[in-house]
Amino acid sequence: MIDTNGAGHVRVDGVTLSFGGIKALKNVTFDVRPGAINALIGPNGAGKTSLFNCISGFYRPSSGTISVDGRDITRLRPPARAKLGLARSFQNIALFRGMTVLDNIKLGRHAHMSTNLLQALVYFGPAQREELALREEVERRIIDFLEIDHIRHAPVAALSYGLQKRVELARALAMKPRVLMLDEPVAGMNREETEDMARFILDAKEEWGLTILMVEHDMGLVMDISDHVAVLNFGEIIADGTPGRVRDDPHVTEAYLGSGDPAALMTRLAREAAE
């Protein structure tokens, strides 16, 4: 166990996930370090998305436990986890394309809203005050932070792919997370968009004090900005440590290449990230 001083510590302890007779995860145990950028990597089919979905509540493990700041959340549904401070983005953009940027971001706060449906429909008193406070916070803090003020009233469908990914990050931030889970945040982006997203992820950690867990295939990004890296292969953790330690681990090299040459591994991963 690690020092859990501060909020945002996720503990995965002995998690196994089975689909029929197939074990997607096998007794996985690791810590998501609080206040750090944690990367979860591995070859295709290694179990990264399955583990990500277990932590966010979309899958329920066959055995094992998942906790946040010491509280067992293994059987909690995703909305309950959101209230506890877990927020996630998706590999495939999951925005409401016919709605504006601002309205999509505001939807991220629904789990924390106190007014009921009738109050919201009437839009008077507490509902109006809560809506106005939410809008002010979103515009003043999140939209400014992600530099999307110029598109806040634009329909999402009219935006470029890179901007849509940024809006999805904004919606996750609107959920008031302690733990921000990013599923391939730079997938499909060009170099400039990737550099922008990397900057926002770093700033979210430093300025917002967030714990970040990301699944990502871009090894350049992972090695540049991560504080800690866990590697999955065939549903098992095979390495867990700093980027440098993981990069030089022969088990990681074997999993990616079938050889023991770390230099060859990094050359191949850099080439694949650039394609």
Protein backbone atom coordinates (compact mmCIF):
# COMPACT_ATOMS: atom_id res chain seq x y z
CA MET A 1 0.00 0.00 0.00
CA ILE A 2 1.07 3.55 -0.67
CA ASP A 3 0.74 6.71 1.35
CA THR A 4 -2.80 7.98 0.75
CA ASN A 5 -2.19 11.47 2.01
CA GLY A 6 -4.66 13.56 0.01
CA ALA A 7 -7.79 12.63 -1.95
CA GLY A 8 -7.96 10.70 -5.17
CA HIS A 9 -6.31 7.40 -4.25
CA VAL A 10 -7.75 4.44 -6.20
CA ARG A 11 -6.88 0.92 -5.07
CA VAL A 12 -7.49 -2.08 -7.33
CA ASP A 13 -7.08 -5.24 -5.28
CA GLY A 14 -7.18 -8.75 -6.76
CA VAL A 15 -9.64 -7.88 -9.54
CA THR A 16 -10.63 -10.69 -11.87
CA LEU A 17 -13.11 -10.24 -14.72
CA SER A 18 -14.52 -13.14 -16.71
CA PHE A 19 -16.68 -13.26 -19.81
CA GLY A 20 -17.95 -16.81 -19.94
CA GLY A 21 -14.86 -18.98 -19.82
CA ILE A 22 -12.51 -16.16 -20.83
CA LYS A 23 -10.65 -14.21 -18.15
CA ALA A 24 -10.13 -10.63 -19.35
CA LEU A 25 -8.45 -9.68 -16.05
CA LYS A 26 -6.57 -12.01 -13.72
CA ASN A 27 -6.06 -11.00 -10.10
CA VAL A 28 -5.06 -7.43 -10.98
CA THR A 29 -3.68 -5.37 -8.11
CA PHE A 30 -2.27 -1.85 -8.38
CA ASP A 31 -2.59 1.67 -7.00
CA VAL A 32 -3.56 4.83 -8.86
CA ARG A 33 -1.29 7.34 -7.15
CA PRO A 34 -3.10 10.38 -5.73
CA GLY A 35 -2.26 13.73 -7.28
CA ALA A 36 -0.28 12.08 -10.10
CA ILE A 37 -0.66 11.25 -13.78
CA ASN A 38 -1.01 7.47 -13.95
CA ALA A 39 -0.87 5.70 -17.32
CA LEU A 40 -2.26 2.25 -18.06
CA ILE A 41 -0.65 0.73 -21.14
CA GLY A 42 -0.29 -2.62 -22.87
CA PRO A 43 -0.60 -4.36 -26.24
CA ASN A 44 -3.97 -4.60 -27.98
CA GLY A 45 -6.23 -7.03 -26.13
CA ALA A 46 -4.25 -6.76 -22.90
CA GLY A 47 -7.33 -5.85 -20.82
CA LYS A 48 -6.85 -2.08 -20.47
CA THR A 49 -10.40 -1.13 -21.42
CA SER A 50 -11.84 -3.91 -19.28
CA LEU A 51 -9.96 -2.64 -16.23
CA PHE A 52 -10.91 0.95 -17.03
CA ASN A 53 -14.57 -0.09 -17.23
CA CYS A 54 -14.32 -1.92 -13.91
CA ILE A 55 -12.98 1.19 -12.19
CA SER A 56 -15.61 3.49 -13.73
CA GLY A 57 -18.45 1.04 -13.01
CA PHE A 58 -19.46 -0.14 -16.46
CA TYR A 59 -18.26 -3.68 -15.63
CA ARG A 60 -18.51 -5.48 -12.30
CA PRO A 61 -15.52 -7.69 -11.44
CA SER A 62 -16.01 -11.41 -10.92
CA SER A 63 -13.87 -11.08 -7.79
CA GLY A 64 -11.67 -8.53 -6.04
CA THR A 65 -12.35 -5.00 -4.84
CA ILE A 66 -11.96 -1.42 -6.02
CA SER A 67 -11.81 1.47 -3.56
CA VAL A 68 -11.50 5.25 -3.67
CA ASP A 69 -9.86 6.91 -0.67
CA GLY A 70 -10.54 3.77 1.35
CA ARG A 71 -14.21 3.42 0.41
CA ASP A 72 -15.23 0.23 -1.37
CA ILE A 73 -16.97 1.15 -4.65
CA THR A 74 -16.91 -2.31 -6.26
CA ARG A 75 -20.71 -2.61 -6.39
CA LEU A 76 -21.61 1.03 -6.90
CA ARG A 77 -23.23 2.06 -10.18
CA PRO A 78 -21.52 4.72 -12.37
CA PRO A 79 -23.74 7.64 -11.18
CA ALA A 80 -22.86 6.89 -7.55
CA ARG A 81 -19.17 6.79 -8.45
CA ALA A 82 -19.53 10.13 -10.22
CA LYS A 83 -20.88 11.64 -7.01
CA LEU A 84 -17.79 10.35 -5.21
CA GLY A 85 -15.52 12.15 -7.66
CA LEU A 86 -14.81 9.72 -10.51
CA ALA A 87 -15.19 11.23 -13.98
CA ARG A 88 -14.22 9.76 -17.33
CA SER A 89 -13.92 10.56 -21.00
CA PHE A 90 -14.42 8.01 -23.77
CA GLN A 91 -12.23 6.72 -26.57
CA ASN A 92 -15.10 7.23 -29.02
CA ILE A 93 -16.52 10.71 -28.54
CA ALA A 94 -19.80 10.52 -26.59
CA LEU A 95 -21.12 14.07 -26.91
CA PHE A 96 -24.61 15.26 -27.88
CA ARG A 97 -23.78 16.49 -31.37
CA GLY A 98 -26.91 18.62 -31.80
CA MET A 99 -26.31 20.56 -28.58
CA THR A 100 -23.95 23.45 -28.02
CA VAL A 101 -20.56 23.19 -26.40
CA LEU A 102 -21.83 24.98 -23.29
CA ASP A 103 -24.85 22.70 -22.88
CA ASN A 104 -22.74 19.57 -23.31
CA ILE A 105 -20.34 20.75 -20.60
CA LYS A 106 -23.17 21.63 -18.22
CA LEU A 107 -24.56 18.11 -18.51
CA GLY A 108 -21.44 16.88 -16.77
CA ARG A 109 -22.67 18.42 -13.52
CA HIS A 110 -26.04 16.62 -13.42
CA ALA A 111 -24.92 14.11 -10.77
CA HIS A 112 -24.26 16.99 -8.35
CA MET A 113 -27.39 19.07 -9.03
CA SER A 114 -29.78 19.34 -6.06
CA THR A 115 -32.93 20.58 -7.80
CA ASN A 116 -35.52 18.06 -8.97
CA LEU A 117 -37.14 17.74 -12.41
CA LEU A 118 -40.20 19.86 -11.52
CA GLN A 119 -38.06 22.69 -10.15
CA ALA A 120 -35.89 22.56 -13.25
CA LEU A 121 -38.93 22.74 -15.55
CA VAL A 122 -40.35 25.73 -13.68
CA TYR A 123 -36.89 27.36 -13.62
CA PHE A 124 -37.56 29.55 -10.63
CA GLY A 125 -36.00 30.08 -7.22
CA PRO A 126 -33.41 27.43 -6.25
CA ALA A 127 -33.35 25.89 -9.74
CA GLN A 128 -32.63 29.24 -11.37
CA ARG A 129 -29.94 30.14 -8.86
CA GLU A 130 -28.25 26.75 -9.22
CA GLU A 131 -28.33 26.97 -13.02
CA LEU A 132 -26.86 30.48 -13.04
CA ALA A 133 -24.10 29.47 -10.60
CA LEU A 134 -23.28 26.44 -12.72
CA ARG A 135 -23.12 28.49 -15.91
CA GLU A 136 -20.85 31.07 -14.29
CA GLU A 137 -18.46 28.40 -13.01
CA VAL A 138 -18.37 26.56 -16.35
CA GLU A 139 -17.70 29.72 -18.33
CA ARG A 140 -15.28 31.29 -15.87
CA ARG A 141 -13.26 28.22 -14.93
CA ILE A 142 -13.61 25.32 -17.35
CA ILE A 143 -14.13 27.08 -20.68
CA ASP A 144 -11.36 29.58 -19.97
CA PHE A 145 -9.05 26.81 -18.75
CA LEU A 146 -9.45 24.82 -21.98
CA GLU A 147 -9.36 27.90 -24.21
CA ILE A 148 -12.70 27.22 -25.92
CA ASP A 149 -14.49 30.49 -25.22
CA HIS A 150 -14.77 31.18 -28.96
CA ILE A 151 -16.85 28.04 -29.57
CA ARG A 152 -18.98 27.88 -26.42
CA HIS A 153 -22.24 28.50 -28.34
CA ALA A 154 -21.32 26.40 -31.38
CA PRO A 155 -23.04 23.03 -31.99
CA VAL A 156 -20.67 20.17 -31.28
CA ALA A 157 -21.32 18.64 -34.71
CA ALA A 158 -19.69 21.68 -36.37
CA LEU A 159 -16.39 21.27 -34.51
CA SER A 160 -13.20 19.56 -35.57
CA TYR A 161 -12.32 16.21 -34.01
CA GLY A 162 -9.64 17.75 -31.81
CA LEU A 163 -12.02 20.37 -30.42
CA GLN A 164 -14.67 17.75 -29.76
CA LYS A 165 -12.15 15.81 -27.67
CA ARG A 166 -11.43 19.00 -25.76
CA VAL A 167 -15.16 19.51 -25.12
CA GLU A 168 -15.41 15.97 -23.78
CA LEU A 169 -12.56 16.74 -21.39
CA ALA A 170 -14.46 19.89 -20.34
CA ARG A 171 -17.58 17.85 -19.60
CA ALA A 172 -15.55 15.46 -17.44
CA LEU A 173 -14.08 18.42 -15.53
CA ALA A 174 -17.60 19.74 -14.97
CA MET A 175 -18.29 16.60 -12.94
CA LYS A 176 -16.08 18.03 -10.15
CA PRO A 177 -13.74 15.03 -10.20
CA ARG A 178 -11.09 14.00 -7.76
CA VAL A 179 -10.07 11.23 -10.15
CA LEU A 180 -10.11 12.05 -13.87
CA MET A 181 -10.14 8.96 -16.10
CA LEU A 182 -9.10 9.55 -19.72
CA ASP A 183 -9.64 6.83 -22.31
CA GLU A 184 -7.12 7.43 -25.11
CA PRO A 185 -7.28 11.24 -24.82
CA VAL A 186 -5.11 11.90 -27.92
CA ALA A 187 -6.28 9.05 -30.18
CA GLY A 188 -6.68 10.32 -33.75
CA MET A 189 -5.16 13.74 -33.04
CA ASN A 190 -2.45 15.46 -35.05
CA ARG A 191 0.77 16.61 -33.41
CA GLU A 192 -0.45 20.11 -32.53
CA GLU A 193 -3.70 18.81 -31.01
CA THR A 194 -1.74 16.19 -29.05
CA GLU A 195 0.60 18.84 -27.63
CA ASP A 196 -2.39 20.97 -26.58
CA MET A 197 -4.07 18.03 -24.86
CA ALA A 198 -0.85 17.10 -23.07
CA ARG A 199 -0.61 20.65 -21.74
CA PHE A 200 -4.20 20.57 -20.48
CA ILE A 201 -3.66 17.22 -18.75
CA LEU A 202 -0.54 18.51 -17.01
CA ASP A 203 -2.32 21.71 -15.99
CA ALA A 204 -5.31 19.73 -14.66
CA LYS A 205 -2.95 17.90 -12.33
CA GLU A 206 -1.02 20.98 -11.24
CA GLU A 207 -3.74 23.65 -11.08
CA TRP A 208 -6.75 21.52 -10.14
CA GLY A 209 -4.90 19.00 -7.99
CA LEU A 210 -6.48 16.04 -9.77
CA THR A 211 -5.49 12.41 -9.80
CA ILE A 212 -5.39 11.29 -13.44
CA LEU A 213 -5.62 7.78 -14.84
CA MET A 214 -5.28 7.45 -18.60
CA VAL A 215 -5.28 4.61 -21.07
CA GLU A 216 -3.11 5.67 -24.00
CA HIS A 217 -1.25 4.12 -26.95
CA ASP A 218 0.90 7.17 -27.71
CA MET A 219 4.09 6.14 -25.95
CA GLY A 220 5.69 9.52 -26.53
CA LEU A 221 2.91 11.16 -24.53
CA VAL A 222 2.97 8.47 -21.85
CA MET A 223 6.71 8.73 -21.27
CA ASP A 224 6.69 12.54 -21.38
CA ILE A 225 3.91 13.38 -18.92
CA SER A 226 3.23 10.32 -16.75
CA ASP A 227 4.42 10.05 -13.17
CA HIS A 228 3.58 6.38 -12.93
CA VAL A 229 2.92 3.62 -15.47
CA ALA A 230 1.23 0.23 -15.09
CA VAL A 231 1.49 -2.33 -17.89
CA LEU A 232 -1.11 -5.00 -18.62
CA ASN A 233 -0.58 -8.07 -20.77
CA PHE A 234 -3.10 -10.90 -21.17
CA GLY A 235 -5.09 -9.48 -18.27
CA GLU A 236 -2.19 -9.35 -15.80
CA ILE A 237 0.02 -6.56 -14.48
CA ILE A 238 3.55 -7.26 -15.71
CA ALA A 239 5.22 -3.98 -14.71
CA ASP A 240 4.37 -1.09 -12.41
CA GLY A 241 6.59 1.93 -11.73
CA THR A 242 8.10 5.11 -13.11
CA PRO A 243 8.17 5.60 -16.91
CA GLY A 244 11.93 4.96 -17.02
CA ARG A 245 11.68 1.77 -15.00
CA VAL A 246 8.82 0.45 -17.13
CA ARG A 247 10.56 1.37 -20.38
CA ASP A 248 13.60 -0.70 -19.43
CA ASP A 249 11.67 -3.67 -18.05
CA PRO A 250 12.41 -6.80 -20.14
CA HIS A 251 8.90 -8.16 -19.48
CA VAL A 252 7.42 -5.08 -21.14
CA THR A 253 9.75 -5.38 -24.10
CA GLU A 254 8.84 -9.06 -24.44
CA ALA A 255 5.12 -8.27 -24.34
CA TYR A 256 5.37 -5.70 -27.13
CA LEU A 257 8.10 -7.19 -29.30
CA GLY A 258 8.84 -10.74 -28.31
CA SER A 259 12.46 -9.68 -27.78
CA GLY A 260 14.60 -8.17 -25.04
CA ASP A 261 15.67 -4.98 -26.81
CA PRO A 262 14.29 -1.84 -25.08
CA ALA A 263 15.70 0.42 -27.82
CA ALA A 264 13.85 -1.56 -30.48
CA LEU A 265 10.68 -1.31 -28.40
CA MET A 266 10.80 2.46 -28.13
CA THR A 267 11.62 2.83 -31.84
CA ARG A 268 8.62 0.73 -32.79
CA LEU A 269 6.21 2.45 -30.41
CA ALA A 270 7.35 5.90 -31.52
CA ARG A 271 6.81 4.90 -35.16
CA GLU A 272 3.34 3.53 -34.45
CA ALA A 273 2.38 6.69 -32.53
CA ALA A 274 3.42 8.85 -35.49
CA GLU A 275 1.37 6.85 -38.02
